Amino acid sequence: MENTEEQIPETKGEKTPEKIFVYHGTTPENAEKILAEGIQPGFVDPNKFYRGKSLSNDFGFSVSRNPNLSARYGEKVIKFELSPTAKIAIPEDLPEIYYKFEGGLSFDQIKLIKLAKEAGFDGVDIGAFTELTRAHVQEKAIKEIQIFNPGVLQIVTPKEGVE
């Protein structure tokens, strides 16, 4: 499959002006649950941990603009349409999240998500925030969007694993 990564328009907290498709890679079992029940709070595997804390929907639902990247996380890739009314935070919305670290910029993803939720955003473009950090220079940028309001995602079509 060709690289079909789509760019989230820079919105500065405004509504997204056009159709945007995003993808979520998962196991066949989780794909069935998502397709049957939608995205549910606490859906993320409770046996996975980040910084010593169990993952949950507190962190959001991970999607990517690139189906090939999503396929790395599971053999089933589900395509969603992001609502044109979704407010997705970008660096210009929350510049206070950055701090200096070893000669470059960095940010705490947990604090970013908390700030974005408090500011009324539906999600955060983690990739856009990472682009301004040392991780981007080291080609370790996280190209994902964390969605905390599942109401802004509509299932378009489930897909088989991307080759």
Foldseek 3Di string as FASTA:
>chain_A
DDWQQDDQDDDLQFFGDDKAKKKAAEEPVLVVCCVVPNDDWQSPPQVDDDPRHGDTCLLAGKIFSTLQVNLVHHQKMWMKIFARGAGEDACVNCVVQWDDDPNFIDGDSSVVSVVCVVVPGQKYQQQRVQCRTVCVVVVNGDGIIGGSNSVRIDTDGMDGRDD
